Amino acid sequence: MTQGTLSAAPQPAAAVEPRTAVAETASAPVAPCTHIRRFNHSGGVENFTVPPGVTTINARCWGGGGGGATQGGGGGFATGNIAVVPGEILRVVVDLGGGNSSGGGMSGLYSQRLGQPLLIAAGGGACIVTDAPDARGGAGGGVSGSDGRTYSRGGPTGTAARGASGSTGGSGATSATGNRGGHGGNTGQNGGPASGGGSGGQIPIPGMGGGGGTGNGNPGSLGGGAGYAGGGGGFAYASSERAFVSGAGGGSSFVNGPGVTEGSTLPGQGTQAGGKDDPVYQSPVGDAGNHGQVVLQWTEYTVTPGGPPDVELTRGGPAGYPGVRVESDAAFHPVSVTVALPADHDLLFGSQTLADHQLTVHSAGQEPTPYMGELSPDGSTLVFSDVDLQLPGRTVMWVSVSADHGAPLGATGLTFTIGGKPSPSTTIVVTPAFTASPGGSPVTAERGGSPRYPGVEVRNPGSQDIPLQTVTVALPADAALRFGTPANPDHQLTVMDAGANTIAYDGTVGEDGQALAFTDIDLAIPDNGSRAVMWVCVSADDDAPVGNTHVDFTIGDRTSPSTAIEII
């Protein structure tokens, strides 16, 4: 007997893969899903990394059809929604593990994170002995795979190969002479060998069953279908006058993996795959003689900055609440949320006096929900577990942050990572802990005359515990001004608070006499909105140019011109 015929005496044939793969075809996802990916038969297990912002994968799996375009069994169909974690790896099986070459292989998904199968669509049994007209491979299940059908000529008898039932593999076909096909593998087991040497289907991943081995007479042509459990191997024996042939049994499907909801299966019907009415089905996937397919669909939410206005943080001041906006038309399982401070920007979670490790989540029509986070050892990151995004719709979430006194001025932001999907927060603008401006009405200085006292005003816009500052006062170049008078140099800085209380500080004059430096100066503005003034003593030389000028006050990293000086 040669491949595909019963017209000669039995001879072993080379293992042949008579089934065909489906061409790559683009298609749109089914609403509400926004993304789709198809996996066709590649001969090995493939990996799929769950994208950021995804907590549910919709899977639709078609097992491979058994070999024999008119006599093989159609593959089974399995579908379900799978709860996933962004970034985890799903192992994707497409039409693997069928019995000895031509048996339809299983298609499905395996969770590497959980170490368990999630969905399995069964393969159909093979039968490619074309002049055994009544022999058929059993279709893949459903809960149970279909039995093979037999053909007899000239009197030999036997029993048909059995389809798998649940987690139990189907038995192989037998003949009255005692020969048999291999037993389909139970869950987690390879298919058994047949008498006469046909090997069984091999499981691609632990926890999935293999197809049965080929029956005696023609290895490679009657392999069992794989699945949750494998279908039994077929059998073929013939001479020129006598023949007995049984197609192989179909495998069983499985939709009860951890985290799978709305799981369902459909068996193949004869040579046709199950699930052909599904909107993402592509003909002839899973039909007899054709490979299976796995289709994954999902919806992602968007994460964007929380919107205007910018959050202004005063150095040493009260906390602000930068955040992000999350939007989607679909619901999502709870996710982890990470909030990271920018490096080297001296921001704090909470305020200077009260740490705050809380995330607040709020969507329209619901009460704000707080979540307590865990602070990283270096204080730069908060991690929140099992955060309900309150989708579909639009949700905003925020944390409390403040700027330390050493925070760089200007724009920055936090980084929110929502279920693996990162986004910058609302823009944060760090402003000074105090402002400095000219300290009052202009002063008039006569050349060679009496000293005058130009100064600046400092104001607290909301900062707490403003540290002592370094103050430098510089005379204008080429203006012929001096600190004090020629007869009485004056190197003091005077600070007066809102209550007219004053304190004088002695400074150090530079070698060129053009600048005074003061250290550890209390600005005397302890409260939000409080003001103080400071000044120095200057006079004009006899040859000072007539006109307007000023001295420059540098307070910490703030610089301001003094009160205007008119030289006459």
Protein backbone atom coordinates (compact mmCIF):
# COMPACT_ATOMS: atom_id res chain seq x y z
CA MET A 1 0.00 0.00 0.00
CA THR A 2 1.38 3.41 -0.88
CA GLN A 3 0.43 6.86 0.32
CA GLY A 4 -3.22 7.56 -0.51
CA THR A 5 -4.10 4.19 -2.07
CA LEU A 6 -5.19 0.62 -1.19
CA SER A 7 -4.53 -0.93 -4.56
CA ALA A 8 -1.30 -2.73 -3.64
CA ALA A 9 0.12 -4.83 -0.86
CA PRO A 10 0.99 -2.98 2.37
CA GLN A 11 4.20 -0.95 2.26
CA PRO A 12 5.31 1.78 4.68
CA ALA A 13 5.22 5.24 3.18
CA ALA A 14 7.36 8.26 3.95
CA ALA A 15 5.85 10.69 6.46
CA VAL A 16 4.23 13.44 4.42
CA GLU A 17 2.56 16.65 5.58
CA PRO A 18 -0.35 16.94 3.19
CA ARG A 19 -1.97 19.92 4.92
CA THR A 20 -1.66 23.53 3.79
CA ALA A 21 -1.21 26.82 5.64
CA VAL A 22 -3.52 29.79 5.25
CA ALA A 23 -2.05 32.82 3.52
CA GLU A 24 -1.41 35.93 5.61
CA THR A 25 -4.44 38.23 5.43
CA ALA A 26 -5.02 41.56 7.10
CA SER A 27 -8.29 42.17 8.86
CA ALA A 28 -9.93 44.58 11.24
CA PRO A 29 -10.61 43.68 14.89
CA VAL A 30 -14.14 43.13 16.13
CA ALA A 31 -15.49 45.99 18.25
CA PRO A 32 -14.88 46.90 21.01
CA CYS A 33 -11.38 45.53 20.35
CA THR A 34 -8.99 47.96 18.70
CA HIS A 35 -6.05 45.65 17.86
CA ILE A 36 -5.76 42.22 16.24
CA ARG A 37 -2.96 39.75 15.54
CA ARG A 38 -3.14 36.44 13.68
CA PHE A 39 -0.82 33.50 14.23
CA ASN A 40 -0.53 30.90 11.49
CA HIS A 41 1.20 27.54 11.61
CA SER A 42 4.96 27.98 11.89
CA GLY A 43 6.04 24.56 13.12
CA GLY A 44 6.91 25.78 16.61
CA VAL A 45 5.58 27.55 19.69
CA GLU A 46 5.60 31.35 19.44
CA ASN A 47 5.58 34.03 22.13
CA PHE A 48 3.17 36.94 22.47
CA THR A 49 4.00 39.72 24.92
CA VAL A 50 0.90 41.39 26.34
CA PRO A 51 1.11 45.08 25.37
CA PRO A 52 1.09 47.88 27.94
CA GLY A 53 -2.39 48.97 28.95
CA VAL A 54 -3.97 45.59 28.22
CA THR A 55 -5.66 43.47 30.90
CA THR A 56 -7.87 41.24 28.74
CA ILE A 57 -7.04 39.30 25.59
CA ASN A 58 -9.82 37.86 23.45
CA ALA A 59 -8.55 34.61 21.92
CA ARG A 60 -10.12 32.65 19.03
CA CYS A 61 -8.42 29.39 18.19
CA TRP A 62 -8.97 26.90 15.39
CA GLY A 63 -7.36 23.48 15.62
CA GLY A 64 -5.79 22.00 12.52
CA GLY A 65 -7.87 19.93 10.14
CA GLY A 66 -6.82 16.32 9.73
CA GLY A 67 -4.94 15.31 6.59
CA GLY A 68 -7.15 14.35 3.67
CA ALA A 69 -9.08 17.16 2.05
CA THR A 70 -12.19 15.01 1.52
CA GLN A 71 -11.75 12.51 4.34
CA GLY A 72 -9.95 14.29 7.18
CA GLY A 73 -11.85 15.71 10.14
CA GLY A 74 -12.28 19.46 10.63
CA GLY A 75 -10.58 21.11 13.55
CA GLY A 76 -12.42 22.28 16.66
CA PHE A 77 -12.89 25.91 17.73
CA ALA A 78 -12.27 27.45 21.17
CA THR A 79 -12.67 31.04 22.29
CA GLY A 80 -12.62 33.06 25.50
CA ASN A 81 -11.52 36.24 27.20
CA ILE A 82 -8.30 35.88 29.17
CA ALA A 83 -7.32 38.05 32.13
CA VAL A 84 -3.70 39.04 31.56
CA VAL A 85 -0.99 41.21 33.07
CA PRO A 86 0.69 43.79 30.82
CA GLY A 87 4.12 42.57 29.85
CA GLU A 88 3.50 38.88 30.54
CA ILE A 89 4.25 36.29 27.86
CA LEU A 90 1.62 33.99 26.39
CA ARG A 91 2.88 30.92 24.53
CA VAL A 92 0.96 30.57 21.28
CA VAL A 93 0.45 27.09 19.83
CA VAL A 94 -0.84 26.83 16.26
CA ASP A 95 -1.64 23.36 14.98
CA LEU A 96 0.98 21.30 16.83
CA GLY A 97 1.03 17.84 18.39
CA GLY A 98 -1.06 15.98 15.83
CA GLY A 99 -0.40 12.28 15.38
CA ASN A 100 2.38 11.20 13.05
CA SER A 101 2.51 13.93 10.39
CA SER A 102 -1.01 14.24 9.09
CA GLY A 103 -3.11 14.38 12.23
CA GLY A 104 -4.55 17.82 12.94
CA GLY A 105 -2.66 19.62 15.69
CA MET A 106 -4.03 21.60 18.61
CA SER A 107 -4.13 25.39 18.66
CA GLY A 108 -4.27 27.41 21.84
CA LEU A 109 -2.60 29.51 24.49
CA TYR A 110 -0.43 28.72 27.49
CA SER A 111 0.35 31.14 30.33
CA GLN A 112 4.06 31.28 31.05
CA ARG A 113 3.29 33.34 34.17
CA LEU A 114 0.89 30.73 35.59
CA GLY A 115 2.46 27.63 34.07
CA GLN A 116 -0.92 26.38 32.79
CA PRO A 117 -2.83 26.07 29.53
CA LEU A 118 -5.61 28.61 28.99
CA LEU A 119 -7.43 27.58 25.81
CA ILE A 120 -7.06 24.60 23.50
CA ALA A 121 -8.83 24.02 20.18
CA ALA A 122 -8.69 20.39 19.14
CA GLY A 123 -7.31 19.02 15.90
CA GLY A 124 -9.19 16.73 13.54
CA GLY A 125 -8.19 13.15 12.79
CA ALA A 126 -6.54 12.27 9.49
CA CYS A 127 -7.57 9.94 6.72
CA ILE A 128 -5.85 10.33 3.36
CA VAL A 129 -6.36 6.80 1.97
CA THR A 130 -8.39 7.98 -1.00
CA ASP A 131 -9.72 4.65 -2.28
CA ALA A 132 -11.25 3.78 1.11
CA PRO A 133 -14.41 5.81 0.36
CA ASP A 134 -16.23 5.32 3.67
CA ALA A 135 -13.24 5.95 5.96
CA ARG A 136 -13.19 9.37 7.63
CA GLY A 137 -11.16 11.14 10.24
CA GLY A 138 -13.15 12.33 13.26
CA ALA A 139 -13.66 16.07 13.66
CA GLY A 140 -12.09 17.88 16.58
CA GLY A 141 -14.34 18.77 19.57
CA GLY A 142 -16.06 20.51 21.51
CA VAL A 143 -15.96 18.72 24.76
CA SER A 144 -15.35 15.47 22.92
CA GLY A 145 -13.79 14.71 19.58
CA SER A 146 -15.62 12.65 16.98
CA ASP A 147 -14.74 9.01 16.33
CA GLY A 148 -13.15 7.98 13.08
CA ARG A 149 -15.20 6.09 10.50
CA THR A 150 -14.18 2.76 8.98
CA TYR A 151 -14.02 1.09 5.58
CA SER A 152 -13.85 -2.66 5.00
CA ARG A 153 -13.33 -4.67 1.82
CA GLY A 154 -13.19 -8.40 1.46
CA GLY A 155 -14.22 -9.22 5.01
CA PRO A 156 -11.70 -7.83 7.56
CA THR A 157 -13.30 -6.15 10.57
CA GLY A 158 -12.23 -3.98 13.45
CA THR A 159 -13.20 -1.01 15.61
CA ALA A 160 -12.96 2.66 14.76
CA ALA A 161 -10.52 5.05 16.37
CA ARG A 162 -12.19 6.98 19.18
CA GLY A 163 -12.25 10.69 19.66
CA ALA A 164 -10.93 12.16 22.89
CA SER A 165 -13.41 12.77 25.71
CA GLY A 166 -12.53 15.66 27.98
CA SER A 167 -9.08 15.04 29.42
CA THR A 168 -8.93 11.41 28.28
CA GLY A 169 -7.36 10.51 24.98
CA GLY A 170 -9.24 8.38 22.49
CA SER A 171 -8.31 4.76 21.90
CA GLY A 172 -6.75 3.75 18.62
CA ALA A 173 -8.51 1.72 15.96
CA THR A 174 -8.08 -2.06 16.10
CA SER A 175 -8.41 -4.83 13.57
CA ALA A 176 -9.57 -8.42 13.95
CA THR A 177 -5.95 -9.43 13.50
CA GLY A 178 -4.97 -7.59 16.68
CA ASN A 179 -3.21 -4.65 15.08
CA ARG A 180 -4.03 -1.23 16.44
CA GLY A 181 -3.54 2.48 16.14
CA GLY A 182 -1.93 4.47 18.91
CA HIS A 183 -3.87 5.76 21.90
CA GLY A 184 -4.36 9.51 22.00
CA GLY A 185 -2.47 11.21 24.79
CA ASN A 186 -4.38 12.25 27.90
CA THR A 187 -3.92 15.81 29.12
CA GLY A 188 -0.20 16.47 29.46
CA GLN A 189 0.80 13.26 27.69
CA ASN A 190 2.14 12.38 24.29
CA GLY A 191 0.18 10.12 22.00
CA GLY A 192 0.97 6.41 22.20
CA PRO A 193 2.70 4.47 19.44
CA ALA A 194 0.81 2.13 17.16
CA SER A 195 1.53 -1.52 16.57
CA GLY A 196 3.72 -1.67 13.54
CA GLY A 197 5.72 1.40 14.49
CA GLY A 198 3.67 4.55 13.94
CA SER A 199 4.72 7.12 16.55
CA GLY A 200 2.26 9.24 18.51
CA GLY A 201 1.79 12.97 18.50
CA GLN A 202 4.13 14.92 20.78
CA ILE A 203 2.79 17.56 23.17
CA PRO A 204 4.18 21.04 22.33
CA ILE A 205 3.88 22.34 25.93
CA PRO A 206 3.17 20.51 29.21
CA GLY A 207 -0.50 20.36 30.03
CA MET A 208 -1.67 19.69 26.48
CA GLY A 209 -2.50 16.25 25.06
CA GLY A 210 -0.98 14.64 21.96
CA GLY A 211 -2.62 12.96 18.99
CA GLY A 212 -2.66 9.20 18.62
CA GLY A 213 -0.17 7.27 16.54
CA THR A 214 -0.80 5.99 13.04
CA GLY A 215 -2.13 2.48 12.57
CA ASN A 216 -0.22 -0.39 11.02
CA GLY A 217 0.18 -0.43 7.28
CA ASN A 218 0.77 3.16 6.26
CA PRO A 219 2.59 5.37 8.80
CA GLY A 220 2.03 9.06 8.25
CA SER A 221 -1.42 8.90 6.76
CA LEU A 222 -3.82 8.33 9.64
CA GLY A 223 -2.53 10.29 12.65
CA GLY A 224 -4.91 11.16 15.49
CA GLY A 225 -6.04 14.68 16.27
CA ALA A 226 -4.35 16.55 19.10
CA GLY A 227 -6.02 18.70 21.75
CA TYR A 228 -6.77 18.92 25.43
CA ALA A 229 -6.50 15.20 24.93
CA GLY A 230 -5.57 13.55 21.64
CA GLY A 231 -7.81 11.48 19.40
CA GLY A 232 -6.99 7.85 18.78
CA GLY A 233 -4.75 6.84 15.90
CA GLY A 234 -6.25 5.33 12.79
CA PHE A 235 -5.43 2.04 11.16
CA ALA A 236 -4.92 0.83 7.60
CA TYR A 237 -4.32 -2.72 6.37
CA ALA A 238 -4.79 -3.93 2.84
CA SER A 239 -3.94 -6.40 0.19
CA SER A 240 -5.21 -6.50 -3.33
CA GLU A 241 -8.37 -8.27 -2.11
CA ARG A 242 -8.81 -7.43 1.53
CA ALA A 243 -8.70 -4.12 3.40
CA PHE A 244 -9.67 -2.50 6.66
CA VAL A 245 -9.23 1.25 7.25
CA SER A 246 -10.28 3.51 10.13
CA GLY A 247 -9.80 7.24 10.09
CA ALA A 248 -8.25 8.70 13.23
CA GLY A 249 -10.28 10.20 16.08
CA GLY A 250 -10.55 13.92 16.78
CA GLY A 251 -9.12 15.63 19.86
CA SER A 252 -11.09 17.46 22.57
CA SER A 253 -11.04 21.22 23.31
CA PHE A 254 -10.54 23.10 26.57
CA VAL A 255 -11.59 26.60 27.72
CA ASN A 256 -11.25 26.37 31.49
CA GLY A 257 -7.80 27.81 32.10
CA PRO A 258 -7.20 30.27 34.97
CA GLY A 259 -8.57 33.72 34.24
CA VAL A 260 -10.62 32.60 31.22
CA THR A 261 -14.17 33.93 31.04
CA GLU A 262 -16.93 33.53 28.48
CA GLY A 263 -15.15 30.42 27.20
CA SER A 264 -16.91 28.29 24.62
CA THR A 265 -16.08 25.58 22.11
CA LEU A 266 -17.58 24.40 18.85
CA PRO A 267 -16.77 21.04 17.30
CA GLY A 268 -15.82 20.57 13.70
CA GLN A 269 -18.53 19.20 11.43
CA GLY A 270 -17.30 16.42 9.15
CA THR A 271 -14.48 17.91 7.10
CA GLN A 272 -15.34 21.48 8.12
CA ALA A 273 -13.83 23.43 10.99
CA GLY A 274 -15.92 24.58 13.91
CA GLY A 275 -16.55 28.30 14.35
CA LYS A 276 -16.76 29.14 10.66
CA ASP A 277 -19.45 31.76 11.41
CA ASP A 278 -17.08 33.70 13.67
CA PRO A 279 -16.49 37.21 12.26
CA VAL A 280 -12.69 36.84 12.23
CA TYR A 281 -12.67 33.38 10.61
CA GLN A 282 -10.66 33.08 7.41
CA SER A 283 -11.45 30.19 5.08
CA PRO A 284 -10.16 27.46 4.86
CA VAL A 285 -8.58 27.58 8.34
CA GLY A 286 -9.11 24.32 10.22
CA ASP A 287 -10.92 22.53 7.38
CA ALA A 288 -9.70 19.06 6.48
CA GLY A 289 -6.27 19.25 4.89
CA ASN A 290 -5.61 22.76 6.24
CA HIS A 291 -3.71 24.18 9.18
CA GLY A 292 -5.32 25.94 12.14
CA GLN A 293 -4.93 29.50 13.36
CA VAL A 294 -4.95 31.59 16.54
CA VAL A 295 -6.37 35.12 16.53
CA LEU A 296 -5.76 37.49 19.44
CA GLN A 297 -7.68 40.75 19.88
CA TRP A 298 -7.50 43.40 22.55
CA THR A 299 -8.37 46.92 23.54
CA GLU A 300 -5.92 49.43 24.95
CA TYR A 301 -6.70 52.49 27.02
CA THR A 302 -4.94 55.79 26.42
CA VAL A 303 -3.00 57.65 29.08
CA THR A 304 -2.32 61.37 28.63
CA PRO A 305 -1.24 64.24 30.90
CA GLY A 306 -4.02 65.32 33.22
CA GLY A 307 -4.68 68.52 31.35
CA PRO A 308 -4.24 72.24 31.87
CA PRO A 309 -3.53 74.25 33.83
CA ASP A 310 0.07 73.54 34.76
CA VAL A 311 0.73 72.70 38.39
CA GLU A 312 2.86 75.42 40.00
CA LEU A 313 5.00 74.41 42.94
CA THR A 314 6.75 77.02 45.05
CA ARG A 315 10.07 75.89 46.46
CA GLY A 316 9.35 74.88 50.03
CA GLY A 317 5.67 75.60 49.47
CA PRO A 318 2.44 73.63 49.61
CA ALA A 319 1.75 70.48 47.60
CA GLY A 320 0.23 70.42 44.13
CA TYR A 321 -1.59 67.59 42.38
CA PRO A 322 -0.18 66.59 38.98
CA GLY A 323 -1.91 63.66 37.30
CA VAL A 324 -2.96 61.85 34.14
CA ARG A 325 -6.14 61.13 32.25
CA VAL A 326 -7.10 57.54 31.27
CA GLU A 327 -9.71 56.89 28.57
CA SER A 328 -11.28 53.87 26.86
CA ASP A 329 -14.60 52.57 25.60
CA ALA A 330 -14.01 49.22 27.32
CA ALA A 331 -13.73 47.94 30.87
CA PHE A 332 -10.42 46.70 32.30
CA HIS A 333 -9.27 44.55 35.16
CA PRO A 334 -7.42 46.31 38.01
CA VAL A 335 -3.81 47.19 37.20
CA SER A 336 -0.68 48.29 38.99
CA VAL A 337 0.22 51.98 38.88
CA THR A 338 3.70 53.39 39.37
CA VAL A 339 4.42 57.10 39.87
CA ALA A 340 8.03 58.24 39.57
CA LEU A 341 9.53 61.59 40.51
CA PRO A 342 11.94 63.16 38.00
CA ALA A 343 15.59 62.51 38.78
CA ASP A 344 17.58 65.31 40.42
CA HIS A 345 14.63 67.67 40.75
CA ASP A 346 14.20 67.60 44.54
CA LEU A 347 10.47 66.91 44.48
CA LEU A 348 8.72 65.16 47.37
CA PHE A 349 5.57 63.07 47.69
CA GLY A 350 3.38 65.20 49.94
CA SER A 351 4.65 68.44 51.51
CA GLN A 352 7.72 69.47 53.44
CA THR A 353 6.01 68.64 56.74
CA LEU A 354 3.63 65.80 55.79
CA ALA A 355 4.44 62.90 53.48
CA ASP A 356 1.56 61.72 51.28
CA HIS A 357 1.71 58.33 49.54
CA GLN A 358 -1.85 58.31 48.21
CA LEU A 359 -3.17 57.98 44.66
CA THR A 360 -6.65 59.36 43.99
CA VAL A 361 -8.75 57.96 41.12
CA HIS A 362 -11.88 59.76 39.99
CA SER A 363 -14.30 59.29 37.10
CA ALA A 364 -17.49 61.18 36.32
CA GLY A 365 -20.43 60.19 38.49
CA GLN A 366 -18.34 58.33 41.08
CA GLU A 367 -16.75 59.26 44.36
CA PRO A 368 -12.96 59.68 44.30
CA THR A 369 -11.22 56.48 45.36
CA PRO A 370 -7.94 56.64 47.31
CA TYR A 371 -5.21 54.01 47.10
CA MET A 372 -2.24 53.81 49.46
CA GLY A 373 1.10 53.18 47.79
CA GLU A 374 4.42 51.69 48.76
CA LEU A 375 7.39 54.05 48.63
CA SER A 376 10.64 52.82 47.13
CA PRO A 377 13.70 52.84 49.44
CA ASP A 378 15.17 55.85 47.64
CA GLY A 379 11.92 57.80 47.95
CA SER A 380 11.61 58.34 44.20
CA THR A 381 8.73 55.99 43.30
CA LEU A 382 5.31 55.02 44.58
CA VAL A 383 3.74 51.69 43.60
CA PHE A 384 0.00 51.05 43.83
CA SER A 385 -1.53 47.59 43.38
CA ASP A 386 -4.94 46.55 42.03
CA VAL A 387 -6.08 50.00 40.98
CA ASP A 388 -9.58 50.05 39.47
CA LEU A 389 -9.42 52.36 36.46
CA GLN A 390 -13.20 52.93 36.59
CA LEU A 391 -13.52 52.47 32.82
CA PRO A 392 -15.19 52.65 30.31
CA GLY A 393 -15.21 56.41 30.02
CA ARG A 394 -12.66 58.92 31.26
CA THR A 395 -10.80 58.72 34.55
CA VAL A 396 -8.32 61.11 36.12
CA MET A 397 -5.81 60.20 38.78
CA TRP A 398 -3.28 62.24 40.71
CA VAL A 399 -0.79 62.29 43.57
CA SER A 400 0.42 65.01 45.94
CA VAL A 401 3.91 66.46 45.41
CA SER A 402 5.88 69.49 46.54
CA ALA A 403 9.20 71.10 45.67
CA ASP A 404 12.09 71.19 48.10
CA HIS A 405 14.06 74.40 48.54
CA GLY A 406 16.79 73.07 46.25
CA ALA A 407 14.47 72.11 43.40
CA PRO A 408 15.62 73.44 40.00
CA LEU A 409 13.35 76.17 38.70
CA GLY A 410 11.30 75.63 35.56
CA ALA A 411 9.16 72.90 34.01
CA THR A 412 9.29 69.22 34.89
CA GLY A 413 6.80 66.41 35.52
CA LEU A 414 6.12 63.00 37.01
CA THR A 415 5.92 59.74 35.10
CA PHE A 416 2.78 57.65 35.61
CA THR A 417 2.94 54.03 34.42
CA ILE A 418 -0.57 52.58 34.25
CA GLY A 419 -0.55 48.84 33.71
CA GLY A 420 2.77 49.12 31.89
CA LYS A 421 1.72 52.13 29.79
CA PRO A 422 3.78 55.23 30.66
CA SER A 423 2.74 58.87 30.38
CA PRO A 424 4.04 62.18 31.67
CA SER A 425 1.85 63.96 34.19
CA THR A 426 0.45 67.43 34.04
CA THR A 427 3.38 69.82 33.61
CA ILE A 428 4.91 70.97 36.89
CA VAL A 429 6.44 74.44 37.01
CA VAL A 430 8.75 75.03 39.98
CA THR A 431 8.83 78.69 41.09
CA PRO A 432 11.13 80.48 43.56
CA ALA A 433 10.60 80.36 47.31
CA PHE A 434 10.61 84.18 47.35
CA THR A 435 10.52 87.04 44.89
CA ALA A 436 12.80 90.08 44.79
CA SER A 437 11.98 93.47 43.25
CA PRO A 438 13.16 97.11 43.57
CA GLY A 439 12.50 98.29 47.10
CA GLY A 440 10.53 101.50 46.76
CA SER A 441 10.72 105.02 45.33
CA PRO A 442 13.87 106.28 43.51
CA VAL A 443 16.60 107.94 45.58
CA THR A 444 18.62 111.02 44.63
CA ALA A 445 22.39 111.08 45.22
CA GLU A 446 24.37 114.28 44.87
CA ARG A 447 27.93 113.95 43.58
CA GLY A 448 30.21 114.13 46.63
CA GLY A 449 27.10 114.40 48.82
CA SER A 450 25.40 112.47 51.61
CA PRO A 451 24.90 108.65 51.52
CA ARG A 452 21.69 107.12 50.21
CA TYR A 453 20.04 103.71 50.86
CA PRO A 454 18.86 101.86 47.72
CA GLY A 455 17.30 98.45 48.35
CA VAL A 456 14.97 95.66 47.29
CA GLU A 457 11.76 94.11 48.55
CA VAL A 458 11.44 90.35 49.09
CA ARG A 459 8.09 88.55 49.28
CA ASN A 460 7.04 85.04 50.34
CA PRO A 461 4.58 83.51 47.79
CA GLY A 462 3.76 80.53 50.03
CA SER A 463 7.04 78.89 51.00
CA GLN A 464 7.72 77.38 54.41
CA ASP A 465 10.95 77.54 56.40
CA ILE A 466 12.90 79.58 53.88
CA PRO A 467 16.54 78.83 54.66
CA LEU A 468 19.15 81.46 55.39
CA GLN A 469 20.45 83.02 52.19
CA THR A 470 23.68 84.39 50.77
CA VAL A 471 23.28 87.99 49.56
CA THR A 472 25.63 89.80 47.21
CA VAL A 473 25.31 93.50 46.37
CA ALA A 474 27.25 94.78 43.34
CA LEU A 475 27.89 98.41 42.36
CA PRO A 476 27.36 99.33 38.72
CA ALA A 477 30.48 99.44 36.58
CA ASP A 478 31.86 102.91 35.76
CA ALA A 479 29.17 104.69 37.84
CA ALA A 480 31.66 106.02 40.44
CA LEU A 481 29.58 104.81 43.41
CA ARG A 482 31.02 103.52 46.67
CA PHE A 483 29.71 101.70 49.77
CA GLY A 484 29.30 104.39 52.46
CA THR A 485 31.34 107.58 52.00
CA PRO A 486 35.04 108.24 51.52
CA ALA A 487 35.26 109.24 55.15
CA ASN A 488 33.00 106.54 56.52
CA PRO A 489 32.86 103.26 54.54
CA ASP A 490 29.71 101.22 55.29
CA HIS A 491 29.65 97.45 54.64
CA GLN A 492 26.33 96.63 56.29
CA LEU A 493 23.10 95.13 54.96
CA THR A 494 19.94 96.05 56.84
CA VAL A 495 16.80 93.87 56.74
CA MET A 496 13.46 95.23 57.96
CA ASP A 497 10.41 93.01 58.37
CA ALA A 498 6.75 93.98 58.04
CA GLY A 499 6.65 95.09 61.66
CA ALA A 500 9.50 97.58 61.10
CA ASN A 501 11.92 95.43 63.09
CA THR A 502 15.44 95.65 61.69
CA ILE A 503 18.62 93.62 61.87
CA ALA A 504 21.99 94.63 60.40
CA TYR A 505 24.52 92.20 58.92
CA ASP A 506 28.21 92.91 58.32
CA GLY A 507 29.52 92.02 54.89
CA THR A 508 32.82 91.34 53.24
CA VAL A 509 33.94 93.74 50.55
CA GLY A 510 35.67 92.48 47.42
CA GLU A 511 39.25 93.41 46.56
CA ASP A 512 38.09 95.93 43.97
CA GLY A 513 35.57 97.45 46.38
CA GLN A 514 32.72 96.85 43.92
CA ALA A 515 30.78 94.14 45.74
CA LEU A 516 29.67 93.19 49.24
CA ALA A 517 28.95 89.58 50.26
CA PHE A 518 26.73 88.57 53.18
CA THR A 519 26.13 85.05 54.48
CA ASP A 520 23.34 83.46 56.55
CA ILE A 521 20.83 86.22 55.98
CA ASP A 522 17.34 85.74 57.43
CA LEU A 523 14.95 87.24 54.88
CA ALA A 524 12.34 87.87 57.62
CA ILE A 525 9.42 86.62 55.49
CA PRO A 526 8.22 83.53 57.38
CA ASP A 527 4.59 83.46 56.23
CA ASN A 528 2.68 83.28 52.96
CA GLY A 529 2.42 86.81 51.59
CA SER A 530 4.80 88.39 54.08
CA ARG A 531 7.20 91.07 52.83
CA ALA A 532 10.51 92.60 53.94
CA VAL A 533 12.96 95.15 52.59
CA MET A 534 16.74 95.26 52.67
CA TRP A 535 19.19 97.96 51.75
CA VAL A 536 22.82 99.09 51.75
CA CYS A 537 24.48 102.49 52.04
CA VAL A 538 26.06 104.09 48.95
CA SER A 539 27.27 107.53 47.86
CA ALA A 540 28.34 109.16 44.60
CA ASP A 541 31.91 110.35 43.94
CA ASP A 542 32.59 113.90 42.82
CA ASP A 543 33.09 112.75 39.22
CA ALA A 544 30.13 110.29 39.10
CA PRO A 545 28.28 110.52 35.75
CA VAL A 546 24.98 112.34 36.04
CA GLY A 547 21.91 110.17 35.37
CA ASN A 548 20.06 107.09 36.56
CA THR A 549 21.72 103.89 37.79
CA HIS A 550 21.20 101.16 40.44
CA VAL A 551 22.98 98.48 42.42
CA ASP A 552 22.26 94.73 41.90
CA PHE A 553 21.09 92.49 44.75
CA THR A 554 21.61 88.75 44.30
CA ILE A 555 19.70 86.81 46.97
CA GLY A 556 20.34 83.10 46.69
CA ASP A 557 19.71 82.52 42.97
CA ARG A 558 17.40 85.54 42.62
CA THR A 559 18.81 88.81 41.21
CA SER A 560 17.01 92.15 41.21
CA PRO A 561 18.02 95.78 40.60
CA SER A 562 17.69 98.06 43.57
CA THR A 563 15.61 101.17 43.89
CA ALA A 564 16.59 103.54 41.08
CA ILE A 565 19.46 105.95 41.94
CA GLU A 566 19.40 109.36 40.26
CA ILE A 567 22.87 111.03 40.36
CA ILE A 568 22.77 114.85 40.14
